[in-house]
């Protein structure tokens, strides 16, 4: 289930959750845990991602922290890698970020200057 964006075009997902049923032609009702009881349980298909089972994947009920206004902010845990990308005539520094409540495979590349301004503690 999609639960907000962090950074440019970096969707964040939580779950998996059981599908209780289809609502109309483009939405599904999900069985959300009690910790998410204040969140409406019907989601458009664009907010969902198919879960591909993997025997090595152990499902755990990691508590999801959400703000009073029901938003969710993903926070970086550490920087895994760094690279530079050439865009037109300018060099952009990127860092691979491991986010809280995410697996290493779901780490995302973010602009280093954005990360330094928003999360300076990760670089110390």
C-alpha atoms as a PDB file:
ATOM      1  CA  UNK A   1       0.000   0.000   0.000  1.00  0.00           C
ATOM      2  CA  UNK A   2       1.362   3.416  -0.974  1.00  0.00           C
ATOM      3  CA  UNK A   3       1.795   5.700   2.016  1.00  0.00           C
ATOM      4  CA  UNK A   4       3.181   9.022   0.881  1.00  0.00           C
ATOM      5  CA  UNK A   5       6.125  10.307  -1.105  1.00  0.00           C
ATOM      6  CA  UNK A   6       9.533  11.199   0.128  1.00  0.00           C
ATOM      7  CA  UNK A   7      11.834  12.856  -2.322  1.00  0.00           C
ATOM      8  CA  UNK A   8      11.194  13.214  -5.993  1.00  0.00           C
ATOM      9  CA  UNK A   9       9.058  10.403  -7.397  1.00  0.00           C
ATOM     10  CA  UNK A  10      10.033   7.938  -4.634  1.00  0.00           C
ATOM     11  CA  UNK A  11       6.906   6.120  -3.531  1.00  0.00           C
ATOM     12  CA  UNK A  12       6.968   4.430  -0.131  1.00  0.00           C
ATOM     13  CA  UNK A  13       4.969   1.326   0.625  1.00  0.00           C
ATOM     14  CA  UNK A  14       3.911  -0.511   3.755  1.00  0.00           C
ATOM     15  CA  UNK A  15       2.342  -3.926   3.995  1.00  0.00           C
ATOM     16  CA  UNK A  16       1.456  -6.439   2.660  1.00  0.00           C
ATOM     17  CA  UNK A  17      -2.203  -6.408   3.689  1.00  0.00           C
ATOM     18  CA  UNK A  18      -4.971  -8.845   2.880  1.00  0.00           C
ATOM     19  CA  UNK A  19      -7.486  -7.740   0.240  1.00  0.00           C
ATOM     20  CA  UNK A  20     -11.010  -7.984   1.638  1.00  0.00           C
ATOM     21  CA  UNK A  21     -12.768  -7.162  -1.602  1.00  0.00           C
ATOM     22  CA  UNK A  22     -13.065  -5.037  -4.712  1.00  0.00           C
ATOM     23  CA  UNK A  23     -14.882  -1.704  -4.481  1.00  0.00           C
ATOM     24  CA  UNK A  24     -16.053  -0.561  -7.901  1.00  0.00           C
ATOM     25  CA  UNK A  25     -13.734  -1.184 -10.816  1.00  0.00           C
ATOM     26  CA  UNK A  26     -10.631   0.645  -9.580  1.00  0.00           C
ATOM     27  CA  UNK A  27     -10.399   0.279  -5.774  1.00  0.00           C
ATOM     28  CA  UNK A  28      -9.859  -2.380  -3.124  1.00  0.00           C
ATOM     29  CA  UNK A  29     -10.762  -2.678   0.561  1.00  0.00           C
ATOM     30  CA  UNK A  30      -7.802  -3.834   2.681  1.00  0.00           C
ATOM     31  CA  UNK A  31      -7.596  -5.460   6.106  1.00  0.00           C
ATOM     32  CA  UNK A  32      -5.522  -2.867   7.959  1.00  0.00           C
ATOM     33  CA  UNK A  33      -4.015  -3.516  11.405  1.00  0.00           C
ATOM     34  CA  UNK A  34      -5.530  -1.812  14.485  1.00  0.00           C
ATOM     35  CA  UNK A  35      -2.657   0.703  14.540  1.00  0.00           C
ATOM     36  CA  UNK A  36      -4.034   2.132  11.268  1.00  0.00           C
ATOM     37  CA  UNK A  37      -7.687   2.198  12.338  1.00  0.00           C
ATOM     38  CA  UNK A  38      -7.979   5.962  11.700  1.00  0.00           C
ATOM     39  CA  UNK A  39      -7.081   5.499   8.024  1.00  0.00           C
ATOM     40  CA  UNK A  40      -9.799   4.736   5.477  1.00  0.00           C
ATOM     41  CA  UNK A  41      -9.310   1.168   4.259  1.00  0.00           C
ATOM     42  CA  UNK A  42     -10.310   1.610   0.575  1.00  0.00           C
ATOM     43  CA  UNK A  43      -7.463   2.384  -1.842  1.00  0.00           C
ATOM     44  CA  UNK A  44      -7.282   3.152  -5.559  1.00  0.00           C
ATOM     45  CA  UNK A  45      -5.286   0.618  -7.585  1.00  0.00           C
ATOM     46  CA  UNK A  46      -2.594   3.242  -8.272  1.00  0.00           C
ATOM     47  CA  UNK A  47      -1.801   3.259  -4.531  1.00  0.00           C
ATOM     48  CA  UNK A  48      -1.264  -0.502  -4.368  1.00  0.00           C
ATOM     49  CA  UNK A  49       1.628  -2.720  -5.363  1.00  0.00           C
ATOM     50  CA  UNK A  50       1.454  -6.459  -5.989  1.00  0.00           C
ATOM     51  CA  UNK A  51       3.165  -8.537  -3.305  1.00  0.00           C
ATOM     52  CA  UNK A  52       5.427 -11.216  -4.731  1.00  0.00           C
ATOM     53  CA  UNK A  53       5.887 -13.984  -2.135  1.00  0.00           C
ATOM     54  CA  UNK A  54       9.429 -14.944  -1.240  1.00  0.00           C
ATOM     55  CA  UNK A  55      10.280 -17.711   1.225  1.00  0.00           C
ATOM     56  CA  UNK A  56      13.162 -15.656   2.625  1.00  0.00           C
ATOM     57  CA  UNK A  57      10.825 -12.732   3.335  1.00  0.00           C
ATOM     58  CA  UNK A  58       9.648 -12.878   6.934  1.00  0.00           C
ATOM     59  CA  UNK A  59       6.539 -10.806   7.484  1.00  0.00           C
ATOM     60  CA  UNK A  60       6.621  -8.906  10.729  1.00  0.00           C
ATOM     61  CA  UNK A  61       4.205  -6.400  12.116  1.00  0.00           C
ATOM     62  CA  UNK A  62       6.457  -3.358  12.309  1.00  0.00           C
ATOM     63  CA  UNK A  63       4.533  -0.520  13.929  1.00  0.00           C
ATOM     64  CA  UNK A  64       3.843   2.328  11.529  1.00  0.00           C
ATOM     65  CA  UNK A  65       4.255   5.739  13.088  1.00  0.00           C
ATOM     66  CA  UNK A  66       1.941   8.371  11.682  1.00  0.00           C
ATOM     67  CA  UNK A  67       1.410  12.002  12.595  1.00  0.00           C
ATOM     68  CA  UNK A  68      -1.806  13.351  14.113  1.00  0.00           C
ATOM     69  CA  UNK A  69      -2.942  14.547  10.680  1.00  0.00           C
ATOM     70  CA  UNK A  70      -2.517  10.915   9.456  1.00  0.00           C
ATOM     71  CA  UNK A  71       0.560  11.634   7.371  1.00  0.00           C
ATOM     72  CA  UNK A  72       3.573   9.351   7.456  1.00  0.00           C
ATOM     73  CA  UNK A  73       7.143  10.569   7.273  1.00  0.00           C
ATOM     74  CA  UNK A  74       9.814   8.129   6.268  1.00  0.00           C
ATOM     75  CA  UNK A  75      13.173   8.878   7.892  1.00  0.00           C
ATOM     76  CA  UNK A  76      16.606   7.876   6.620  1.00  0.00           C
ATOM     77  CA  UNK A  77      18.628   5.347   8.598  1.00  0.00           C
ATOM     78  CA  UNK A  78      21.949   5.557   6.767  1.00  0.00           C
ATOM     79  CA  UNK A  79      23.677   6.238   3.470  1.00  0.00           C
ATOM     80  CA  UNK A  80      24.601   3.030   1.632  1.00  0.00           C
ATOM     81  CA  UNK A  81      26.403   4.378  -1.431  1.00  0.00           C
ATOM     82  CA  UNK A  82      27.291   7.528  -3.338  1.00  0.00           C
ATOM     83  CA  UNK A  83      27.619   8.291  -7.056  1.00  0.00           C
ATOM     84  CA  UNK A  84      27.686  11.215  -9.445  1.00  0.00           C
ATOM     85  CA  UNK A  85      25.426  11.486 -12.459  1.00  0.00           C
ATOM     86  CA  UNK A  86      25.937  13.828 -15.387  1.00  0.00           C
ATOM     87  CA  UNK A  87      22.741  15.583 -16.439  1.00  0.00           C
ATOM     88  CA  UNK A  88      23.171  17.812 -19.479  1.00  0.00           C
ATOM     89  CA  UNK A  89      26.262  19.836 -18.581  1.00  0.00           C
ATOM     90  CA  UNK A  90      26.081  19.532 -14.810  1.00  0.00           C
ATOM     91  CA  UNK A  91      27.190  16.884 -12.320  1.00  0.00           C
ATOM     92  CA  UNK A  92      24.628  15.843  -9.692  1.00  0.00           C
ATOM     93  CA  UNK A  93      25.760  14.009  -6.548  1.00  0.00           C
ATOM     94  CA  UNK A  94      23.430  11.174  -5.492  1.00  0.00           C
ATOM     95  CA  UNK A  95      23.324   9.045  -2.349  1.00  0.00           C
ATOM     96  CA  UNK A  96      21.627   5.679  -1.898  1.00  0.00           C
ATOM     97  CA  UNK A  97      19.448   5.977   1.211  1.00  0.00           C
ATOM     98  CA  UNK A  98      18.214   3.190   3.451  1.00  0.00           C
ATOM     99  CA  UNK A  99      14.878   4.336   4.905  1.00  0.00           C
ATOM    100  CA  UNK A 100      13.358   3.332   8.242  1.00  0.00           C
ATOM    101  CA  UNK A 101      10.910   0.405   7.925  1.00  0.00           C
ATOM    102  CA  UNK A 102      12.342  -0.490   4.497  1.00  0.00           C
ATOM    103  CA  UNK A 103      14.619  -3.306   3.341  1.00  0.00           C
ATOM    104  CA  UNK A 104      18.009  -2.745   1.694  1.00  0.00           C
ATOM    105  CA  UNK A 105      16.515  -3.774  -1.669  1.00  0.00           C
ATOM    106  CA  UNK A 106      14.095  -0.832  -1.406  1.00  0.00           C
ATOM    107  CA  UNK A 107      16.804   1.794  -0.808  1.00  0.00           C
ATOM    108  CA  UNK A 108      16.455   4.756  -3.139  1.00  0.00           C
ATOM    109  CA  UNK A 109      18.803   7.170  -4.859  1.00  0.00           C
ATOM    110  CA  UNK A 110      18.275  10.756  -3.689  1.00  0.00           C
ATOM    111  CA  UNK A 111      20.036  14.040  -4.421  1.00  0.00           C
ATOM    112  CA  UNK A 112      22.839  14.524  -1.918  1.00  0.00           C
ATOM    113  CA  UNK A 113      22.239  18.262  -1.487  1.00  0.00           C
ATOM    114  CA  UNK A 114      18.551  17.656  -0.676  1.00  0.00           C
ATOM    115  CA  UNK A 115      19.445  14.957   1.846  1.00  0.00           C
ATOM    116  CA  UNK A 116      22.131  17.119   3.497  1.00  0.00           C
ATOM    117  CA  UNK A 117      19.695  20.007   3.935  1.00  0.00           C
ATOM    118  CA  UNK A 118      16.793  17.876   5.211  1.00  0.00           C
ATOM    119  CA  UNK A 119      18.686  15.212   7.198  1.00  0.00           C
ATOM    120  CA  UNK A 120      22.168  16.517   8.163  1.00  0.00           C
ATOM    121  CA  UNK A 121      22.408  13.990  11.034  1.00  0.00           C
ATOM    122  CA  UNK A 122      22.708  11.111   8.535  1.00  0.00           C
ATOM    123  CA  UNK A 123      26.017  12.502   7.240  1.00  0.00           C
ATOM    124  CA  UNK A 124      27.770  12.848  10.624  1.00  0.00           C
END
